C-alpha atoms as a PDB file:
ATOM      1  CA  MET A   1      -6.508  -4.199  31.467  1.00  0.00           C
ATOM      2  CA  SER A   2      -3.564  -5.401  29.402  1.00  0.00           C
ATOM      3  CA  MET A   3      -3.891  -5.801  25.656  1.00  0.00           C
ATOM      4  CA  SER A   4      -4.700  -9.342  24.557  1.00  0.00           C
ATOM      5  CA  ILE A   5      -2.550 -11.126  22.001  1.00  0.00           C
ATOM      6  CA  LYS A   6      -5.590 -11.326  19.724  1.00  0.00           C
ATOM      7  CA  LYS A   7      -5.829  -7.520  19.666  1.00  0.00           C
ATOM      8  CA  ILE A   8      -2.077  -7.237  19.100  1.00  0.00           C
ATOM      9  CA  LYS A   9      -2.364  -9.534  16.083  1.00  0.00           C
ATOM     10  CA  ARG A  10      -5.171  -7.475  14.581  1.00  0.00           C
ATOM     11  CA  LEU A  11      -3.445  -4.146  15.197  1.00  0.00           C
ATOM     12  CA  ASN A  12      -0.260  -5.534  13.665  1.00  0.00           C
ATOM     13  CA  ILE A  13      -2.140  -6.447  10.470  1.00  0.00           C
ATOM     14  CA  VAL A  14      -3.891  -3.062  10.274  1.00  0.00           C
ATOM     15  CA  ILE A  15      -0.669  -1.092  10.852  1.00  0.00           C
ATOM     16  CA  ALA A  16       1.289  -3.199   8.360  1.00  0.00           C
ATOM     17  CA  LEU A  17      -1.312  -2.720   5.608  1.00  0.00           C
ATOM     18  CA  LEU A  18      -1.563   1.002   6.349  1.00  0.00           C
ATOM     19  CA  TYR A  19       2.187   1.499   6.048  1.00  0.00           C
ATOM     20  CA  ILE A  20       2.422  -0.528   2.867  1.00  0.00           C
ATOM     21  CA  TRP A  21       0.070   2.154   1.522  1.00  0.00           C
ATOM     22  CA  PHE A  22       2.230   4.948   2.944  1.00  0.00           C
ATOM     23  CA  GLY A  23       5.322   3.334   1.460  1.00  0.00           C
ATOM     24  CA  ILE A  24       3.798   3.182  -2.012  1.00  0.00           C
ATOM     25  CA  THR A  25       2.594   6.801  -1.893  1.00  0.00           C
ATOM     26  CA  GLY A  26       5.987   7.899  -0.545  1.00  0.00           C
ATOM     27  CA  MET A  27       7.813   6.277  -3.455  1.00  0.00           C
ATOM     28  CA  ILE A  28       5.468   7.849  -6.001  1.00  0.00           C
ATOM     29  CA  GLU A  29       5.636  11.271  -4.339  1.00  0.00           C
ATOM     30  CA  GLY A  30       9.422  11.025  -4.199  1.00  0.00           C
ATOM     31  CA  ALA A  31       9.503  10.446  -7.951  1.00  0.00           C
ATOM     32  CA  ASP A  32       7.751  13.791  -8.532  1.00  0.00           C
ATOM     33  CA  PRO A  33      10.323  16.633  -8.746  1.00  0.00           C
ATOM     34  CA  SER A  34       7.670  19.182  -7.780  1.00  0.00           C
ATOM     35  CA  SER A  35       6.653  17.353  -4.599  1.00  0.00           C
ATOM     36  CA  ARG A  36       9.540  18.703  -2.499  1.00  0.00           C
ATOM     37  CA  PHE A  37      11.919  21.675  -2.501  1.00  0.00           C
ATOM     38  CA  TYR A  38      15.087  19.590  -2.497  1.00  0.00           C
ATOM     39  CA  TYR A  39      15.990  16.808  -4.892  1.00  0.00           C
ATOM     40  CA  VAL A  40      17.893  15.019  -2.126  1.00  0.00           C
ATOM     41  CA  ASP A  41      14.690  14.847  -0.109  1.00  0.00           C
ATOM     42  CA  ASN A  42      12.965  13.191  -3.065  1.00  0.00           C
ATOM     43  CA  ILE A  43      15.553  10.425  -2.931  1.00  0.00           C
ATOM     44  CA  VAL A  44      15.060  10.090   0.828  1.00  0.00           C
ATOM     45  CA  LEU A  45      11.291   9.787   0.320  1.00  0.00           C
ATOM     46  CA  ARG A  46      11.768   6.974  -2.173  1.00  0.00           C
ATOM     47  CA  ILE A  47      14.189   5.125   0.098  1.00  0.00           C
ATOM     48  CA  ILE A  48      11.890   5.458   3.113  1.00  0.00           C
ATOM     49  CA  GLY A  49       8.894   4.417   0.997  1.00  0.00           C
ATOM     50  CA  ALA A  50      10.629   1.267  -0.248  1.00  0.00           C
ATOM     51  CA  ALA A  51      11.833   0.461   3.276  1.00  0.00           C
ATOM     52  CA  LEU A  52       8.311   0.880   4.669  1.00  0.00           C
ATOM     53  CA  ILE A  53       6.896  -1.560   2.126  1.00  0.00           C
ATOM     54  CA  VAL A  54       9.516  -4.230   2.855  1.00  0.00           C
ATOM     55  CA  THR A  55       9.292  -3.717   6.614  1.00  0.00           C
ATOM     56  CA  SER A  56       5.490  -3.812   6.624  1.00  0.00           C
ATOM     57  CA  VAL A  57       5.496  -7.110   4.741  1.00  0.00           C
ATOM     58  CA  GLY A  58       7.898  -8.360   7.439  1.00  0.00           C
ATOM     59  CA  LEU A  59       5.409  -7.262  10.094  1.00  0.00           C
ATOM     60  CA  LEU A  60       2.696  -9.293   8.375  1.00  0.00           C
ATOM     61  CA  LEU A  61       5.067 -12.264   8.566  1.00  0.00           C
ATOM     62  CA  ARG A  62       5.690 -11.453  12.279  1.00  0.00           C
ATOM     63  CA  LYS A  63       9.468 -11.066  12.030  1.00  0.00           C
ATOM     64  CA  GLU A  64      11.371  -9.493  14.936  1.00  0.00           C
ATOM     65  CA  ILE A  65      13.808  -7.724  12.611  1.00  0.00           C
ATOM     66  CA  ALA A  66      10.813  -6.070  10.930  1.00  0.00           C
ATOM     67  CA  ARG A  67       9.599  -4.746  14.289  1.00  0.00           C
ATOM     68  CA  LYS A  68      13.004  -3.203  15.049  1.00  0.00           C
ATOM     69  CA  SER A  69      13.293  -1.793  11.533  1.00  0.00           C
ATOM     70  CA  PHE A  70       9.822  -0.269  11.758  1.00  0.00           C
ATOM     71  CA  VAL A  71      10.684   1.583  14.973  1.00  0.00           C
ATOM     72  CA  ALA A  72      13.849   2.937  13.329  1.00  0.00           C
ATOM     73  CA  LEU A  73      11.875   3.994  10.246  1.00  0.00           C
ATOM     74  CA  MET A  74       9.364   5.905  12.354  1.00  0.00           C
ATOM     75  CA  VAL A  75      12.257   7.865  13.866  1.00  0.00           C
ATOM     76  CA  ALA A  76      13.607   8.525  10.354  1.00  0.00           C
ATOM     77  CA  CYS A  77      10.184   9.736   9.183  1.00  0.00           C
ATOM     78  CA  VAL A  78       9.927  12.163  12.109  1.00  0.00           C
ATOM     79  CA  LEU A  79      13.406  13.517  11.353  1.00  0.00           C
ATOM     80  CA  GLU A  80      12.528  13.882   7.659  1.00  0.00           C
ATOM     81  CA  MET A  81       9.406  15.839   8.592  1.00  0.00           C
ATOM     82  CA  ILE A  82      11.323  18.119  10.972  1.00  0.00           C
ATOM     83  CA  ILE A  83      14.168  18.798   8.520  1.00  0.00           C
ATOM     84  CA  THR A  84      11.874  19.570   5.574  1.00  0.00           C
ATOM     85  CA  PHE A  85       9.299  21.550   7.562  1.00  0.00           C
ATOM     86  CA  ASP A  86       8.743  25.054   6.191  1.00  0.00           C
ATOM     87  CA  THR A  87      10.053  27.285   9.000  1.00  0.00           C
ATOM     88  CA  SER A  88       8.539  30.366   7.352  1.00  0.00           C
ATOM     89  CA  VAL A  89       5.063  29.225   8.362  1.00  0.00           C
ATOM     90  CA  GLU A  90       3.720  31.518  11.062  1.00  0.00           C
ATOM     91  CA  GLU A  91       0.229  30.111  11.547  1.00  0.00           C
ATOM     92  CA  LYS A  92       0.048  28.187  14.810  1.00  0.00           C
ATOM     93  CA  VAL A  93      -2.746  26.040  13.420  1.00  0.00           C
ATOM     94  CA  VAL A  94      -0.412  24.611  10.758  1.00  0.00           C
ATOM     95  CA  ILE A  95       2.297  23.894  13.320  1.00  0.00           C
ATOM     96  CA  ILE A  96      -0.161  22.231  15.709  1.00  0.00           C
ATOM     97  CA  ALA A  97      -1.730  20.190  12.896  1.00  0.00           C
ATOM     98  CA  THR A  98       1.711  19.007  11.773  1.00  0.00           C
ATOM     99  CA  ALA A  99       2.632  18.007  15.321  1.00  0.00           C
ATOM    100  CA  VAL A 100      -0.636  16.106  15.789  1.00  0.00           C
ATOM    101  CA  PHE A 101      -0.118  14.372  12.442  1.00  0.00           C
ATOM    102  CA  ALA A 102       3.389  13.298  13.472  1.00  0.00           C
ATOM    103  CA  VAL A 103       2.141  11.934  16.791  1.00  0.00           C
ATOM    104  CA  ILE A 104      -0.713   9.929  15.238  1.00  0.00           C
ATOM    105  CA  ILE A 105       1.119   8.638  12.169  1.00  0.00           C
ATOM    106  CA  TYR A 106       4.617   8.086  13.563  1.00  0.00           C
ATOM    107  CA  ALA A 107       4.775   8.257  17.367  1.00  0.00           C
ATOM    108  CA  LEU A 108       1.804   6.042  18.268  1.00  0.00           C
ATOM    109  CA  PRO A 109       2.767   3.090  15.999  1.00  0.00           C
ATOM    110  CA  MET A 110       6.361   3.371  17.227  1.00  0.00           C
ATOM    111  CA  ILE A 111       5.207   3.234  20.861  1.00  0.00           C
ATOM    112  CA  PHE A 112       2.958   0.260  20.050  1.00  0.00           C
ATOM    113  CA  TYR A 113       5.875  -1.809  18.737  1.00  0.00           C
ATOM    114  CA  MET A 114       7.971  -0.836  21.756  1.00  0.00           C
ATOM    115  CA  LEU A 115       5.427  -2.165  24.273  1.00  0.00           C
ATOM    116  CA  PRO A 116       6.858  -5.098  26.300  1.00  0.00           C
ATOM    117  CA  LYS A 117       4.018  -7.476  25.398  1.00  0.00           C
ATOM    118  CA  VAL A 118       4.276  -6.661  21.694  1.00  0.00           C
ATOM    119  CA  LYS A 119       8.049  -7.171  21.819  1.00  0.00           C
ATOM    120  CA  ARG A 120       7.563 -10.578  23.451  1.00  0.00           C
ATOM    121  CA  CYS A 121       5.136 -11.617  20.732  1.00  0.00           C
ATOM    122  CA  PHE A 122       7.796 -10.949  18.094  1.00  0.00           C
ATOM    123  CA  GLN A 123      10.859 -12.077  20.069  1.00  0.00           C
ATOM    124  CA  LEU A 124       9.459 -15.248  21.663  1.00  0.00           C
ATOM    125  CA  ASP A 125       6.917 -16.123  18.978  1.00  0.00           C
ATOM    126  CA  GLU A 126       4.057 -16.000  21.468  1.00  0.00           C
ATOM    127  CA  TRP A 127       1.590 -15.786  18.589  1.00  0.00           C
ATOM    128  CA  SER A 128       1.527 -19.580  18.441  1.00  0.00           C
ATOM    129  CA  GLN A 129       0.744 -19.747  22.168  1.00  0.00           C
ATOM    130  CA  TYR A 130      -2.458 -17.822  21.517  1.00  0.00           C
ATOM    131  CA  GLU A 131      -3.383 -20.147  18.666  1.00  0.00           C
ATOM    132  CA  SER A 132      -2.680 -23.302  20.686  1.00  0.00           C
ATOM    133  CA  THR A 133      -4.790 -21.960  23.585  1.00  0.00           C
ATOM    134  CA  PHE A 134      -7.890 -21.183  21.572  1.00  0.00           C
ATOM    135  CA  GLY A 135      -7.598 -23.898  18.968  1.00  0.00           C
ATOM    136  CA  ASN A 136      -5.664 -26.958  17.971  1.00  0.00           C
ATOM    137  CA  TYR A 137      -2.430 -25.495  16.618  1.00  0.00           C
ATOM    138  CA  ASP A 138      -1.252 -28.828  15.227  1.00  0.00           C
ATOM    139  CA  GLU A 139      -4.408 -29.159  13.182  1.00  0.00           C
ATOM    140  CA  LYS A 140      -3.908 -25.660  11.807  1.00  0.00           C
ATOM    141  CA  GLN A 141      -1.146 -27.019   9.619  1.00  0.00           C
ATOM    142  CA  ASN A 142      -3.840 -28.919   7.688  1.00  0.00           C
ATOM    143  CA  TYR A 143      -6.061 -25.897   7.146  1.00  0.00           C
ATOM    144  CA  LYS A 144      -7.100 -25.246   3.564  1.00  0.00           C
ATOM    145  CA  HIS A 145      -6.438 -21.982   1.794  1.00  0.00           C
ATOM    146  CA  SER A 146      -9.214 -19.446   2.081  1.00  0.00           C
ATOM    147  CA  GLY A 147     -11.322 -19.390  -1.077  1.00  0.00           C
ATOM    148  CA  ILE A 148     -11.878 -15.662  -0.609  1.00  0.00           C
ATOM    149  CA  GLY A 149      -8.123 -15.165  -0.223  1.00  0.00           C
ATOM    150  CA  ILE A 150      -7.441 -17.078  -3.443  1.00  0.00           C
ATOM    151  CA  ALA A 151     -10.066 -14.962  -5.237  1.00  0.00           C
ATOM    152  CA  SER A 152      -8.345 -11.790  -4.007  1.00  0.00           C
ATOM    153  CA  PHE A 153      -4.974 -13.021  -5.277  1.00  0.00           C
ATOM    154  CA  VAL A 154      -6.365 -14.058  -8.684  1.00  0.00           C
ATOM    155  CA  ILE A 155      -8.109 -10.689  -9.094  1.00  0.00           C
ATOM    156  CA  ALA A 156      -4.803  -8.957  -8.351  1.00  0.00           C
ATOM    157  CA  LEU A 157      -2.950 -11.021 -10.986  1.00  0.00           C
ATOM    158  CA  VAL A 158      -5.617 -10.334 -13.620  1.00  0.00           C
ATOM    159  CA  SER A 159      -5.558  -6.615 -12.783  1.00  0.00           C
ATOM    160  CA  ILE A 160      -1.772  -6.532 -13.122  1.00  0.00           C
ATOM    161  CA  VAL A 161      -1.916  -8.227 -16.543  1.00  0.00           C
ATOM    162  CA  ILE A 162      -4.563  -5.764 -17.763  1.00  0.00           C
ATOM    163  CA  PHE A 163      -2.634  -2.809 -16.368  1.00  0.00           C
ATOM    164  CA  ILE A 164       0.655  -3.875 -17.984  1.00  0.00           C
ATOM    165  CA  ALA A 165      -1.006  -4.582 -21.344  1.00  0.00           C
ATOM    166  CA  GLY A 166      -2.754  -1.216 -21.368  1.00  0.00           C
ATOM    167  CA  GLY A 167       0.396   0.559 -20.224  1.00  0.00           C
ATOM    168  CA  ILE A 168       2.503  -0.973 -23.007  1.00  0.00           C
ATOM    169  CA  ILE A 169      -0.011  -0.007 -25.694  1.00  0.00           C
ATOM    170  CA  THR A 170      -0.431   3.576 -24.485  1.00  0.00           C
ATOM    171  CA  TYR A 171       3.313   4.029 -23.950  1.00  0.00           C
ATOM    172  CA  ASN A 172       4.130   2.810 -27.462  1.00  0.00           C
ATOM    173  CA  SER A 173       1.467   5.137 -28.868  1.00  0.00           C
ATOM    174  CA  ALA A 174       3.012   8.089 -27.042  1.00  0.00           C
ATOM    175  CA  ILE A 175       6.520   7.228 -28.260  1.00  0.00           C
ATOM    176  CA  ALA A 176       5.259   7.057 -31.839  1.00  0.00           C
ATOM    177  CA  GLY A 177       3.678  10.503 -31.469  1.00  0.00           C
ATOM    178  CA  VAL A 178       0.212   9.265 -32.314  1.00  0.00           C
ATOM    179  CA  SER A 179      -2.632  11.647 -31.482  1.00  0.00           C
ATOM    180  CA  SER A 180      -5.825  10.645 -29.685  1.00  0.00           C
ATOM    181  CA  GLU A 181      -7.901  10.576 -32.892  1.00  0.00           C
ATOM    182  CA  GLU A 182      -5.255   8.570 -34.756  1.00  0.00           C
ATOM    183  CA  VAL A 183      -5.096   6.047 -31.938  1.00  0.00           C
ATOM    184  CA  ILE A 184      -8.861   5.521 -32.130  1.00  0.00           C
ATOM    185  CA  GLN A 185      -8.778   5.069 -35.925  1.00  0.00           C
ATOM    186  CA  ALA A 186      -5.669   2.885 -35.982  1.00  0.00           C
ATOM    187  CA  SER A 187      -6.462   0.634 -33.042  1.00  0.00           C
ATOM    188  CA  PRO A 188      -9.944   0.560 -31.480  1.00  0.00           C
ATOM    189  CA  ILE A 189      -8.664  -1.989 -28.996  1.00  0.00           C
ATOM    190  CA  VAL A 190      -6.816   0.854 -27.254  1.00  0.00           C
ATOM    191  CA  VAL A 191     -10.176   2.319 -26.268  1.00  0.00           C
ATOM    192  CA  ILE A 192     -11.163  -1.061 -24.878  1.00  0.00           C
ATOM    193  CA  ILE A 193      -7.924  -1.194 -22.898  1.00  0.00           C
ATOM    194  CA  GLY A 194      -8.721   2.254 -21.516  1.00  0.00           C
ATOM    195  CA  ILE A 195     -12.101   1.071 -20.342  1.00  0.00           C
ATOM    196  CA  LEU A 196     -10.427  -1.999 -18.872  1.00  0.00           C
ATOM    197  CA  PHE A 197      -8.255   0.367 -16.805  1.00  0.00           C
ATOM    198  CA  ILE A 198     -11.415   1.541 -15.085  1.00  0.00           C
ATOM    199  CA  GLY A 199     -12.552  -2.033 -14.607  1.00  0.00           C
ATOM    200  CA  CYS A 200      -9.098  -2.863 -13.283  1.00  0.00           C
ATOM    201  CA  MET A 201      -9.418  -0.134 -10.664  1.00  0.00           C
ATOM    202  CA  ILE A 202     -12.823  -1.358  -9.520  1.00  0.00           C
ATOM    203  CA  SER A 203     -11.729  -5.003  -9.407  1.00  0.00           C
ATOM    204  CA  SER A 204      -8.656  -4.067  -7.365  1.00  0.00           C
ATOM    205  CA  VAL A 205     -10.847  -2.451  -4.728  1.00  0.00           C
ATOM    206  CA  VAL A 206     -13.036  -5.563  -4.674  1.00  0.00           C
ATOM    207  CA  GLY A 207      -9.925  -7.750  -4.428  1.00  0.00           C
ATOM    208  CA  LEU A 208      -8.623  -5.628  -1.564  1.00  0.00           C
ATOM    209  CA  VAL A 209     -11.863  -6.064   0.371  1.00  0.00           C
ATOM    210  CA  LEU A 210     -11.871  -9.815  -0.284  1.00  0.00           C
ATOM    211  CA  GLY A 211      -8.265 -10.033   0.890  1.00  0.00           C
ATOM    212  CA  VAL A 212      -9.080  -8.336   4.190  1.00  0.00           C
ATOM    213  CA  ILE A 213     -12.013 -10.716   4.686  1.00  0.00           C
ATOM    214  CA  GLY A 214      -9.733 -13.650   3.860  1.00  0.00           C
ATOM    215  CA  VAL A 215      -7.136 -12.577   6.424  1.00  0.00           C
ATOM    216  CA  PHE A 216      -9.706 -12.703   9.209  1.00  0.00           C
ATOM    217  CA  ALA A 217     -11.253 -15.994   8.038  1.00  0.00           C
ATOM    218  CA  ARG A 218     -11.084 -18.592  10.800  1.00  0.00           C
ATOM    219  CA  LYS A 219      -9.405 -21.978  10.322  1.00  0.00           C
ATOM    220  CA  LYS A 220      -8.077 -20.990   6.898  1.00  0.00           C
ATOM    221  CA  LYS A 221      -4.580 -20.355   5.570  1.00  0.00           C
ATOM    222  CA  ARG A 222      -3.992 -16.668   4.875  1.00  0.00           C
ATOM    223  CA  VAL A 223      -1.065 -16.698   2.429  1.00  0.00           C
ATOM    224  CA  PHE A 224      -3.082 -15.881  -0.698  1.00  0.00           C
ATOM    225  CA  ALA A 225      -5.196 -13.363   1.198  1.00  0.00           C
ATOM    226  CA  VAL A 226      -2.119 -11.447   2.398  1.00  0.00           C
ATOM    227  CA  TRP A 227      -0.525 -11.340  -1.056  1.00  0.00           C
ATOM    228  CA  GLY A 228      -3.873 -10.421  -2.568  1.00  0.00           C
ATOM    229  CA  ILE A 229      -4.064  -7.451  -0.204  1.00  0.00           C
ATOM    230  CA  ILE A 230      -0.513  -6.337  -1.007  1.00  0.00           C
ATOM    231  CA  LEU A 231      -0.914  -6.539  -4.796  1.00  0.00           C
ATOM    232  CA  ASN A 232      -4.393  -5.011  -4.881  1.00  0.00           C
ATOM    233  CA  LEU A 233      -3.218  -2.263  -2.540  1.00  0.00           C
ATOM    234  CA  ILE A 234      -0.394  -1.377  -4.933  1.00  0.00           C
ATOM    235  CA  ILE A 235      -2.747  -1.222  -7.919  1.00  0.00           C
ATOM    236  CA  THR A 236      -5.353   0.759  -5.987  1.00  0.00           C
ATOM    237  CA  SER A 237      -2.662   3.199  -4.830  1.00  0.00           C
ATOM    238  CA  ILE A 238      -1.550   3.862  -8.395  1.00  0.00           C
ATOM    239  CA  PHE A 239      -5.103   4.563  -9.542  1.00  0.00           C
ATOM    240  CA  THR A 240      -5.888   6.707  -6.499  1.00  0.00           C
ATOM    241  CA  LEU A 241      -2.847   8.906  -7.039  1.00  0.00           C
ATOM    242  CA  SER A 242      -3.575   9.072 -10.771  1.00  0.00           C
ATOM    243  CA  THR A 243      -7.082  10.252  -9.975  1.00  0.00           C
ATOM    244  CA  LEU A 244      -5.592  13.168  -8.082  1.00  0.00           C
ATOM    245  CA  SER A 245      -3.281  14.127 -10.943  1.00  0.00           C
ATOM    246  CA  ASN A 246      -4.123  16.714 -13.586  1.00  0.00           C
ATOM    247  CA  ILE A 247      -3.425  14.225 -16.365  1.00  0.00           C
ATOM    248  CA  PHE A 248      -6.147  11.910 -15.135  1.00  0.00           C
ATOM    249  CA  ASN A 249      -8.699  14.677 -14.641  1.00  0.00           C
ATOM    250  CA  GLU A 250      -8.093  16.247 -18.053  1.00  0.00           C
ATOM    251  CA  ASN A 251      -8.480  12.977 -19.904  1.00  0.00           C
ATOM    252  CA  ILE A 252     -11.584  11.978 -17.956  1.00  0.00           C
ATOM    253  CA  LEU A 253     -13.202  15.283 -18.932  1.00  0.00           C
ATOM    254  CA  ASP A 254     -12.218  14.722 -22.563  1.00  0.00           C
ATOM    255  CA  GLY A 255     -13.392  11.127 -22.509  1.00  0.00           C
ATOM    256  CA  ASN A 256      -9.936   9.851 -23.521  1.00  0.00           C
ATOM    257  CA  TYR A 257      -9.721   7.001 -21.010  1.00  0.00           C
ATOM    258  CA  TYR A 258      -7.024   5.211 -22.964  1.00  0.00           C
ATOM    259  CA  MET A 259      -4.703   8.238 -22.571  1.00  0.00           C
ATOM    260  CA  LEU A 260      -4.721   8.193 -18.759  1.00  0.00           C
ATOM    261  CA  PHE A 261      -1.162   6.968 -18.384  1.00  0.00           C
ATOM    262  CA  ILE A 262       0.569   8.441 -21.412  1.00  0.00           C
ATOM    263  CA  GLY A 263       1.424  11.711 -19.612  1.00  0.00           C
END
């Protein structure tokens, strides 16, 4: 049985959101000199990461050029993996696992966007045909924005403001050479900002969930929901990667939450 346009729409959203995540992590990993053996490869990682983010947003907007760009990027990612693969590895398990990873992460999405029916959806804008068949497409223009989607977007904006404010304070403290104890004595609000970082992380996850719910809300506009997902995903990615870093772990153990992003 052929894939329905409804399933294609849902898979397109899932893949786009997933690769926005991959793009963000790729850019952050590429900025870490210790993440790869060659500095040139770090630059390539950042370029591919940025391209994945832009292309994935284009997929959410159902643009044909985004579909073509995504297929090309998947090829580039496979080549990057092959070129940078450690040839000294002798364990077959590692080689097999790498091959399976490449197939699942790169080959399958690439094949999906090369399917004739998927290509037609992007090239001929057959998305609207689905909407006009199962609902009044003309009336859709009068749909109201999803309240859940708006909530997701607002949460993302608030989280960004809190994150920037906390980042500026901690960065200025680091530049001034202020120690942890001196920061506490000089400005107790820094501790509050540190706690707000944790609240920011939790709210971003909540906003991300609300955004996903808003995208699938029926008879509602999805603009705010989509942007809420993108922004909350970026914030969540930063906190997730920070959690995995030694800086984050050391400061959590010491209780110095406000020092998480000083480095």
